[in-house]
């Protein structure tokens, strides 16, 4: 069971309920710091590397990793001119990822019309999982989707010294 899917507390099929006097919104989003280093590989090169990744949990979806723009390799993102609208988080701008002659359209996005309650996603970008060559947590490649710590606990190999 994950936080926002299956019968998790933020899923639409939750087994329990929140004990509050006010009704909860139909959909609750949850953002949290990953607390691990995460990297992205595309076109045979590292294009993002950060110890400051925020995971966004949405009902019925796997967690999505959002990287600070400062952690991206320069010149990787090219604005595509495409925008969509996320029902809770507002306007979303899409990007083409271009590295070493390899280009993939709609491979990254950023929320550009965030409401004030979602400011932890300000200045961050996410990458389409299947469009990238690989994602790594610490020194281990992650397959399928970003890890959901509420589903299982994973221990990763790392070359960093951690305390």
N, C-alpha and C. Protein backbone atom coordinates (compact mmCIF):
# COMPACT_ATOMS: atom_id res chain seq x y z
N UNK A 1 0.84 -1.17 0.00
CA UNK A 1 0.00 0.00 0.00
C UNK A 1 0.89 1.23 0.00
N UNK A 2 0.63 2.16 -0.89
CA UNK A 2 1.35 3.42 -0.93
C UNK A 2 0.53 4.51 -0.26
N UNK A 3 1.14 5.67 -0.09
CA UNK A 3 0.46 6.80 0.54
C UNK A 3 -0.76 7.25 -0.26
N UNK A 4 -0.62 7.29 -1.59
CA UNK A 4 -1.70 7.87 -2.41
C UNK A 4 -2.30 6.91 -3.42
N UNK A 5 -2.03 5.63 -3.31
CA UNK A 5 -2.63 4.65 -4.22
C UNK A 5 -2.99 3.40 -3.44
N UNK A 6 -3.66 2.48 -4.10
CA UNK A 6 -4.23 1.29 -3.47
C UNK A 6 -5.17 1.74 -2.36
N UNK A 7 -4.99 1.29 -1.12
CA UNK A 7 -5.87 1.70 -0.04
C UNK A 7 -5.21 2.70 0.90
N UNK A 8 -4.17 3.41 0.42
CA UNK A 8 -3.46 4.39 1.23
C UNK A 8 -4.36 5.53 1.68
N UNK A 9 -3.95 6.26 2.71
CA UNK A 9 -4.81 7.30 3.27
C UNK A 9 -5.18 8.44 2.32
N UNK A 10 -4.38 8.69 1.29
CA UNK A 10 -4.70 9.76 0.34
C UNK A 10 -5.36 9.24 -0.94
N UNK A 11 -5.60 7.94 -1.03
CA UNK A 11 -6.20 7.38 -2.24
C UNK A 11 -7.72 7.51 -2.18
N UNK A 12 -8.36 7.35 -3.32
CA UNK A 12 -9.82 7.43 -3.37
C UNK A 12 -10.47 6.18 -2.79
N UNK A 13 -9.69 5.13 -2.56
CA UNK A 13 -10.22 3.89 -1.99
C UNK A 13 -9.63 3.61 -0.61
N UNK A 14 -9.34 4.68 0.14
CA UNK A 14 -8.74 4.54 1.47
C UNK A 14 -9.61 3.66 2.36
N UNK A 15 -8.94 2.83 3.16
CA UNK A 15 -9.67 1.95 4.06
C UNK A 15 -10.16 2.70 5.30
N UNK A 16 -9.41 3.68 5.73
CA UNK A 16 -9.78 4.46 6.91
C UNK A 16 -10.28 5.83 6.53
N UNK A 17 -10.37 6.69 7.52
CA UNK A 17 -10.80 8.06 7.25
C UNK A 17 -10.09 9.00 8.21
N UNK A 18 -9.94 10.25 7.80
CA UNK A 18 -9.36 11.28 8.65
C UNK A 18 -10.44 11.75 9.62
N UNK A 19 -10.09 11.87 10.87
CA UNK A 19 -11.06 12.29 11.89
C UNK A 19 -10.96 13.81 12.05
N UNK A 20 -11.73 14.52 11.25
CA UNK A 20 -11.73 15.97 11.29
C UNK A 20 -13.18 16.46 11.29
N UNK A 21 -13.41 17.62 11.91
CA UNK A 21 -14.77 18.16 11.91
C UNK A 21 -15.17 18.70 10.53
N UNK A 22 -14.21 19.12 9.74
CA UNK A 22 -14.49 19.68 8.41
C UNK A 22 -14.33 18.59 7.36
N UNK A 23 -15.12 18.62 6.31
CA UNK A 23 -14.89 17.65 5.24
C UNK A 23 -13.56 17.95 4.52
N UNK A 24 -12.86 16.92 4.18
CA UNK A 24 -11.60 17.09 3.45
C UNK A 24 -11.90 17.34 1.97
N UNK A 25 -10.96 17.96 1.26
CA UNK A 25 -11.14 18.11 -0.18
C UNK A 25 -11.23 16.73 -0.84
N UNK A 26 -11.82 16.69 -2.01
CA UNK A 26 -11.95 15.43 -2.75
C UNK A 26 -10.59 14.79 -3.00
N UNK A 27 -9.58 15.63 -3.30
CA UNK A 27 -8.22 15.15 -3.55
C UNK A 27 -7.25 15.90 -2.65
N UNK A 28 -6.38 15.16 -1.97
CA UNK A 28 -5.32 15.76 -1.17
C UNK A 28 -3.99 15.47 -1.84
N UNK A 29 -3.16 16.49 -1.99
CA UNK A 29 -1.81 16.33 -2.51
C UNK A 29 -0.85 16.45 -1.34
N UNK A 30 0.26 15.71 -1.41
CA UNK A 30 1.23 15.71 -0.32
C UNK A 30 2.62 15.86 -0.91
N UNK A 31 3.37 16.87 -0.45
CA UNK A 31 4.74 17.10 -0.92
C UNK A 31 5.69 16.92 0.26
N UNK A 32 6.84 16.27 0.00
CA UNK A 32 7.84 16.07 1.04
C UNK A 32 9.23 16.00 0.43
N UNK A 33 10.22 16.39 1.21
CA UNK A 33 11.61 16.28 0.76
C UNK A 33 12.01 14.80 0.72
N UNK A 34 12.79 14.44 -0.30
CA UNK A 34 13.21 13.05 -0.48
C UNK A 34 14.23 12.61 0.56
N UNK A 35 15.13 13.50 0.96
CA UNK A 35 16.19 13.20 1.93
C UNK A 35 17.24 12.22 1.38
N UNK A 36 17.30 12.09 0.07
CA UNK A 36 18.34 11.32 -0.60
C UNK A 36 18.78 12.11 -1.83
N UNK A 37 19.97 11.81 -2.29
CA UNK A 37 20.45 12.40 -3.54
C UNK A 37 19.74 11.70 -4.69
N UNK A 38 19.28 12.47 -5.66
CA UNK A 38 18.66 11.89 -6.85
C UNK A 38 19.30 12.51 -8.09
N UNK A 39 19.52 11.66 -9.09
CA UNK A 39 20.14 12.10 -10.35
C UNK A 39 19.34 11.56 -11.52
N UNK A 40 19.46 12.29 -12.66
CA UNK A 40 18.78 11.89 -13.88
C UNK A 40 19.79 11.82 -15.00
N UNK A 41 19.69 10.74 -15.81
CA UNK A 41 20.57 10.53 -16.95
C UNK A 41 19.75 10.58 -18.23
N UNK A 42 20.28 11.30 -19.23
CA UNK A 42 19.62 11.41 -20.53
C UNK A 42 20.69 11.62 -21.59
N UNK A 43 20.57 10.94 -22.70
CA UNK A 43 21.55 11.09 -23.77
C UNK A 43 22.95 10.69 -23.33
N UNK A 44 23.04 9.76 -22.37
CA UNK A 44 24.33 9.30 -21.88
C UNK A 44 25.02 10.27 -20.93
N UNK A 45 24.32 11.33 -20.49
CA UNK A 45 24.93 12.33 -19.61
C UNK A 45 24.02 12.60 -18.42
N UNK A 46 24.65 13.06 -17.31
CA UNK A 46 23.88 13.47 -16.14
C UNK A 46 23.29 14.84 -16.44
N UNK A 47 21.98 14.97 -16.30
CA UNK A 47 21.35 16.27 -16.58
C UNK A 47 20.76 16.91 -15.33
N UNK A 48 20.60 16.16 -14.26
CA UNK A 48 20.12 16.71 -12.99
C UNK A 48 20.76 15.93 -11.86
N UNK A 49 21.11 16.66 -10.79
CA UNK A 49 21.76 16.05 -9.64
C UNK A 49 21.43 16.92 -8.43
N UNK A 50 20.69 16.36 -7.46
CA UNK A 50 20.29 17.18 -6.32
C UNK A 50 20.08 16.37 -5.05
N UNK A 51 20.39 17.00 -3.93
CA UNK A 51 20.05 16.48 -2.61
C UNK A 51 18.84 17.22 -2.05
N UNK A 52 18.18 18.00 -2.91
CA UNK A 52 17.03 18.83 -2.50
C UNK A 52 15.83 18.55 -3.40
N UNK A 53 15.48 17.28 -3.56
CA UNK A 53 14.35 16.87 -4.39
C UNK A 53 13.09 16.84 -3.54
N UNK A 54 11.98 17.29 -4.13
CA UNK A 54 10.68 17.21 -3.47
C UNK A 54 9.84 16.17 -4.21
N UNK A 55 9.25 15.23 -3.45
CA UNK A 55 8.34 14.24 -4.03
C UNK A 55 6.91 14.74 -3.88
N UNK A 56 6.16 14.66 -4.97
CA UNK A 56 4.74 15.02 -4.94
C UNK A 56 3.92 13.74 -5.04
N UNK A 57 3.06 13.52 -4.06
CA UNK A 57 2.15 12.38 -4.04
C UNK A 57 0.76 12.89 -4.41
N UNK A 58 0.17 12.29 -5.44
CA UNK A 58 -1.20 12.60 -5.86
C UNK A 58 -2.02 11.32 -5.81
N UNK A 59 -3.31 11.42 -5.49
CA UNK A 59 -4.13 10.22 -5.45
C UNK A 59 -4.08 9.43 -6.75
N UNK A 60 -3.88 8.12 -6.63
CA UNK A 60 -3.88 7.24 -7.78
C UNK A 60 -2.65 7.31 -8.66
N UNK A 61 -1.59 7.99 -8.23
CA UNK A 61 -0.37 8.12 -9.03
C UNK A 61 0.85 7.77 -8.20
N UNK A 62 1.90 7.36 -8.89
CA UNK A 62 3.17 7.15 -8.21
C UNK A 62 3.76 8.52 -7.86
N UNK A 63 4.64 8.58 -6.86
CA UNK A 63 5.27 9.86 -6.52
C UNK A 63 6.09 10.39 -7.71
N UNK A 64 6.16 11.71 -7.82
CA UNK A 64 6.93 12.36 -8.87
C UNK A 64 7.99 13.23 -8.21
N UNK A 65 9.23 13.15 -8.71
CA UNK A 65 10.35 13.90 -8.16
C UNK A 65 10.47 15.25 -8.87
N UNK A 66 10.58 16.32 -8.07
CA UNK A 66 10.75 17.68 -8.59
C UNK A 66 12.11 18.21 -8.16
N UNK A 67 12.92 18.58 -9.16
CA UNK A 67 14.29 19.05 -8.95
C UNK A 67 14.35 20.57 -8.98
N UNK A 68 15.17 21.18 -8.12
CA UNK A 68 15.36 22.63 -8.24
C UNK A 68 16.02 22.95 -9.58
N UNK A 69 15.61 24.03 -10.21
CA UNK A 69 16.19 24.42 -11.50
C UNK A 69 17.71 24.57 -11.41
N UNK A 70 18.20 24.99 -10.25
CA UNK A 70 19.65 25.17 -10.07
C UNK A 70 20.43 23.86 -10.13
N UNK A 71 19.75 22.72 -10.01
CA UNK A 71 20.44 21.43 -10.03
C UNK A 71 20.52 20.82 -11.43
N UNK A 72 19.95 21.52 -12.42
CA UNK A 72 19.95 21.01 -13.79
C UNK A 72 21.18 21.48 -14.55
N UNK A 73 21.65 20.63 -15.42
CA UNK A 73 22.75 21.01 -16.31
C UNK A 73 22.26 22.16 -17.20
N UNK A 74 23.08 23.12 -17.40
CA UNK A 74 22.73 24.30 -18.19
C UNK A 74 22.39 23.92 -19.63
N UNK A 75 21.35 24.51 -20.17
CA UNK A 75 20.98 24.33 -21.57
C UNK A 75 20.23 23.06 -21.89
N UNK A 76 19.83 22.30 -20.88
CA UNK A 76 19.15 21.03 -21.10
C UNK A 76 17.68 21.22 -21.51
N UNK A 77 17.02 22.20 -20.89
CA UNK A 77 15.60 22.42 -21.15
C UNK A 77 15.38 23.47 -22.22
N UNK A 78 14.45 23.18 -23.11
CA UNK A 78 14.05 24.12 -24.15
C UNK A 78 12.53 24.27 -24.06
N UNK A 79 12.07 25.49 -23.84
CA UNK A 79 10.62 25.72 -23.72
C UNK A 79 9.93 25.25 -24.99
N UNK A 80 8.85 24.51 -24.83
CA UNK A 80 8.15 23.96 -26.00
C UNK A 80 6.99 24.85 -26.45
N UNK A 81 6.59 25.79 -25.58
CA UNK A 81 5.43 26.61 -25.92
C UNK A 81 4.12 25.95 -25.54
N UNK A 82 4.18 24.70 -25.12
CA UNK A 82 2.97 23.97 -24.72
C UNK A 82 2.68 24.22 -23.25
N UNK A 83 1.44 24.54 -22.94
CA UNK A 83 1.02 24.67 -21.55
C UNK A 83 -0.26 23.88 -21.35
N UNK A 84 -0.40 23.35 -20.14
CA UNK A 84 -1.62 22.66 -19.74
C UNK A 84 -2.00 23.20 -18.38
N UNK A 85 -3.07 22.68 -17.82
CA UNK A 85 -3.51 23.13 -16.51
C UNK A 85 -3.74 21.93 -15.59
N UNK A 86 -3.05 21.93 -14.46
CA UNK A 86 -3.25 20.93 -13.41
C UNK A 86 -4.41 21.43 -12.55
N UNK A 87 -5.34 20.57 -12.21
CA UNK A 87 -6.55 21.05 -11.54
C UNK A 87 -6.31 21.65 -10.16
N UNK A 88 -5.27 21.24 -9.44
CA UNK A 88 -4.97 21.86 -8.15
C UNK A 88 -3.78 22.81 -8.20
N UNK A 89 -2.83 22.56 -9.08
CA UNK A 89 -1.57 23.30 -9.06
C UNK A 89 -1.42 24.33 -10.17
N UNK A 90 -2.43 24.49 -11.00
CA UNK A 90 -2.45 25.57 -11.97
C UNK A 90 -1.71 25.30 -13.27
N UNK A 91 -1.31 26.39 -13.91
CA UNK A 91 -0.68 26.32 -15.23
C UNK A 91 0.62 25.54 -15.18
N UNK A 92 0.82 24.71 -16.21
CA UNK A 92 2.00 23.86 -16.31
C UNK A 92 2.67 24.10 -17.65
N UNK A 93 3.96 24.44 -17.62
CA UNK A 93 4.74 24.65 -18.85
C UNK A 93 5.55 23.40 -19.13
N UNK A 94 5.61 23.02 -20.40
CA UNK A 94 6.30 21.80 -20.83
C UNK A 94 7.59 22.15 -21.55
N UNK A 95 8.54 21.23 -21.49
CA UNK A 95 9.86 21.44 -22.07
C UNK A 95 10.30 20.26 -22.93
N UNK A 96 11.12 20.57 -23.91
CA UNK A 96 11.85 19.56 -24.66
C UNK A 96 13.20 19.41 -23.98
N UNK A 97 13.66 18.19 -23.80
CA UNK A 97 14.99 17.95 -23.23
C UNK A 97 15.92 17.66 -24.41
N UNK A 98 17.03 18.41 -24.46
CA UNK A 98 17.96 18.34 -25.58
C UNK A 98 19.39 18.21 -25.03
N UNK A 99 20.02 17.06 -25.31
CA UNK A 99 21.39 16.82 -24.86
C UNK A 99 22.14 16.09 -25.96
N UNK A 100 23.25 16.64 -26.37
CA UNK A 100 24.13 15.96 -27.32
C UNK A 100 23.44 15.49 -28.58
N UNK A 101 22.51 16.28 -29.12
CA UNK A 101 21.83 15.91 -30.35
C UNK A 101 20.61 15.03 -30.15
N UNK A 102 20.37 14.58 -28.94
CA UNK A 102 19.18 13.79 -28.66
C UNK A 102 18.11 14.70 -28.06
N UNK A 103 16.93 14.69 -28.67
CA UNK A 103 15.83 15.56 -28.23
C UNK A 103 14.59 14.73 -27.95
N UNK A 104 13.91 15.06 -26.86
CA UNK A 104 12.63 14.43 -26.56
C UNK A 104 11.66 15.52 -26.13
N UNK A 105 10.56 15.62 -26.88
CA UNK A 105 9.55 16.63 -26.57
C UNK A 105 8.70 16.19 -25.40
N UNK A 106 8.15 17.17 -24.70
CA UNK A 106 7.29 16.95 -23.52
C UNK A 106 7.94 16.00 -22.52
N UNK A 107 9.23 16.17 -22.30
CA UNK A 107 9.98 15.29 -21.41
C UNK A 107 10.16 15.88 -20.02
N UNK A 108 9.75 17.12 -19.82
CA UNK A 108 9.87 17.76 -18.51
C UNK A 108 8.78 18.82 -18.39
N UNK A 109 8.41 19.13 -17.16
CA UNK A 109 7.40 20.16 -16.93
C UNK A 109 7.66 20.89 -15.63
N UNK A 110 7.04 22.08 -15.56
CA UNK A 110 7.16 22.93 -14.38
C UNK A 110 5.82 23.61 -14.13
N UNK A 111 5.39 23.66 -12.88
CA UNK A 111 4.17 24.39 -12.55
C UNK A 111 4.52 25.87 -12.49
N UNK A 112 3.87 26.66 -13.34
CA UNK A 112 4.18 28.10 -13.42
C UNK A 112 3.07 28.97 -12.85
N UNK A 113 1.97 28.37 -12.46
CA UNK A 113 0.87 29.14 -11.87
C UNK A 113 0.48 28.58 -10.52
N UNK A 114 1.47 28.30 -9.69
CA UNK A 114 1.21 27.64 -8.40
C UNK A 114 0.41 28.51 -7.44
N UNK A 115 -0.54 27.92 -6.74
CA UNK A 115 -1.21 28.65 -5.66
C UNK A 115 -0.24 28.80 -4.49
N UNK A 116 -0.51 29.74 -3.60
CA UNK A 116 0.41 30.03 -2.50
C UNK A 116 0.64 28.84 -1.57
N UNK A 117 -0.32 27.96 -1.45
CA UNK A 117 -0.15 26.81 -0.55
C UNK A 117 0.79 25.74 -1.11
N UNK A 118 1.25 25.88 -2.33
CA UNK A 118 2.13 24.87 -2.95
C UNK A 118 3.50 25.45 -3.28
N UNK A 119 3.97 26.41 -2.49
CA UNK A 119 5.22 27.09 -2.82
C UNK A 119 6.46 26.20 -2.76
N UNK A 120 6.39 25.02 -2.12
CA UNK A 120 7.57 24.14 -2.11
C UNK A 120 7.89 23.59 -3.51
N UNK A 121 6.96 23.73 -4.45
CA UNK A 121 7.22 23.28 -5.82
C UNK A 121 7.68 24.44 -6.73
N UNK A 122 7.75 25.63 -6.18
CA UNK A 122 8.19 26.81 -6.93
C UNK A 122 9.64 26.63 -7.39
N UNK A 123 9.91 26.94 -8.66
CA UNK A 123 11.27 26.86 -9.18
C UNK A 123 11.80 25.43 -9.32
N UNK A 124 10.89 24.48 -9.50
CA UNK A 124 11.28 23.08 -9.64
C UNK A 124 10.71 22.50 -10.92
N UNK A 125 11.39 21.49 -11.42
CA UNK A 125 10.98 20.83 -12.66
C UNK A 125 10.98 19.31 -12.44
N UNK A 126 10.06 18.64 -13.12
CA UNK A 126 9.98 17.17 -13.08
C UNK A 126 10.27 16.63 -14.47
N UNK A 127 10.78 15.42 -14.52
CA UNK A 127 11.09 14.76 -15.78
C UNK A 127 10.17 13.57 -15.98
N UNK A 128 9.72 13.38 -17.23
CA UNK A 128 8.90 12.22 -17.57
C UNK A 128 9.77 10.97 -17.42
N UNK A 129 9.35 10.07 -16.57
CA UNK A 129 10.17 8.91 -16.20
C UNK A 129 10.59 8.11 -17.42
N UNK A 130 9.65 7.79 -18.28
CA UNK A 130 9.95 6.94 -19.45
C UNK A 130 10.76 7.64 -20.52
N UNK A 131 10.78 8.96 -20.49
CA UNK A 131 11.53 9.71 -21.50
C UNK A 131 13.02 9.80 -21.17
N UNK A 132 13.39 9.57 -19.92
CA UNK A 132 14.78 9.66 -19.49
C UNK A 132 15.45 8.29 -19.62
N UNK A 133 16.78 8.30 -19.68
CA UNK A 133 17.53 7.04 -19.73
C UNK A 133 17.48 6.33 -18.39
N UNK A 134 17.64 7.09 -17.31
CA UNK A 134 17.67 6.47 -15.98
C UNK A 134 17.53 7.52 -14.89
N UNK A 135 17.00 7.07 -13.75
CA UNK A 135 16.96 7.85 -12.52
C UNK A 135 17.75 7.07 -11.48
N UNK A 136 18.48 7.81 -10.63
CA UNK A 136 19.26 7.19 -9.58
C UNK A 136 18.91 7.84 -8.24
N UNK A 137 18.79 7.01 -7.20
CA UNK A 137 18.77 7.49 -5.82
C UNK A 137 20.10 7.06 -5.24
N UNK A 138 20.84 8.03 -4.70
CA UNK A 138 22.20 7.79 -4.27
C UNK A 138 22.95 7.15 -5.44
N UNK A 139 23.51 5.94 -5.30
CA UNK A 139 24.29 5.34 -6.38
C UNK A 139 23.55 4.19 -7.08
N UNK A 140 22.27 4.01 -6.78
CA UNK A 140 21.52 2.90 -7.35
C UNK A 140 20.48 3.39 -8.35
N UNK A 141 20.41 2.68 -9.46
CA UNK A 141 19.40 2.99 -10.47
C UNK A 141 18.02 2.58 -9.94
N UNK A 142 17.05 3.43 -10.17
CA UNK A 142 15.68 3.17 -9.74
C UNK A 142 14.86 2.84 -10.98
N UNK A 143 14.15 1.74 -10.93
CA UNK A 143 13.36 1.30 -12.08
C UNK A 143 11.87 1.53 -11.81
N UNK A 144 11.14 1.90 -12.85
CA UNK A 144 9.68 1.99 -12.77
C UNK A 144 9.14 3.32 -12.36
N UNK A 145 9.49 3.81 -11.17
CA UNK A 145 8.97 5.09 -10.68
C UNK A 145 9.74 5.48 -9.44
N UNK A 146 9.57 6.73 -9.03
CA UNK A 146 10.22 7.19 -7.80
C UNK A 146 9.74 6.32 -6.63
N UNK A 147 10.64 6.04 -5.72
CA UNK A 147 10.31 5.18 -4.58
C UNK A 147 9.27 5.85 -3.69
N UNK A 148 8.33 5.07 -3.20
CA UNK A 148 7.31 5.52 -2.27
C UNK A 148 7.67 4.95 -0.91
N UNK A 149 8.19 5.78 -0.02
CA UNK A 149 8.63 5.32 1.30
C UNK A 149 7.47 4.79 2.13
N UNK A 150 6.25 5.06 1.72
CA UNK A 150 5.08 4.58 2.45
C UNK A 150 4.64 3.21 1.96
N UNK A 151 5.30 2.74 0.91
CA UNK A 151 4.99 1.42 0.37
C UNK A 151 5.99 0.39 0.89
N UNK A 152 7.27 0.76 0.88
CA UNK A 152 8.31 -0.11 1.43
C UNK A 152 9.53 0.74 1.74
N UNK A 153 10.40 0.21 2.55
CA UNK A 153 11.63 0.90 2.91
C UNK A 153 12.76 0.32 2.07
N UNK A 154 13.46 1.18 1.34
CA UNK A 154 14.59 0.75 0.53
C UNK A 154 15.87 1.32 1.11
N UNK A 155 16.91 0.52 1.12
CA UNK A 155 18.23 0.97 1.53
C UNK A 155 19.08 1.04 0.26
N UNK A 156 19.72 2.16 0.04
CA UNK A 156 20.49 2.38 -1.18
C UNK A 156 21.98 2.43 -0.89
N UNK A 157 22.77 1.89 -1.83
CA UNK A 157 24.21 2.06 -1.79
C UNK A 157 24.53 3.51 -2.11
N UNK A 158 25.55 4.04 -1.45
CA UNK A 158 25.96 5.42 -1.72
C UNK A 158 27.46 5.56 -1.57
N UNK A 159 28.02 6.46 -2.33
CA UNK A 159 29.45 6.77 -2.20
C UNK A 159 29.66 7.95 -1.25
N UNK A 160 28.55 8.56 -0.79
CA UNK A 160 28.65 9.68 0.13
C UNK A 160 28.78 9.18 1.56
N UNK A 161 29.36 10.01 2.42
CA UNK A 161 29.41 9.72 3.84
C UNK A 161 28.15 10.30 4.47
N UNK A 162 27.36 9.44 5.08
CA UNK A 162 26.10 9.88 5.69
C UNK A 162 26.16 9.68 7.19
N UNK A 163 25.49 10.54 7.91
CA UNK A 163 25.40 10.40 9.38
C UNK A 163 23.96 10.30 9.77
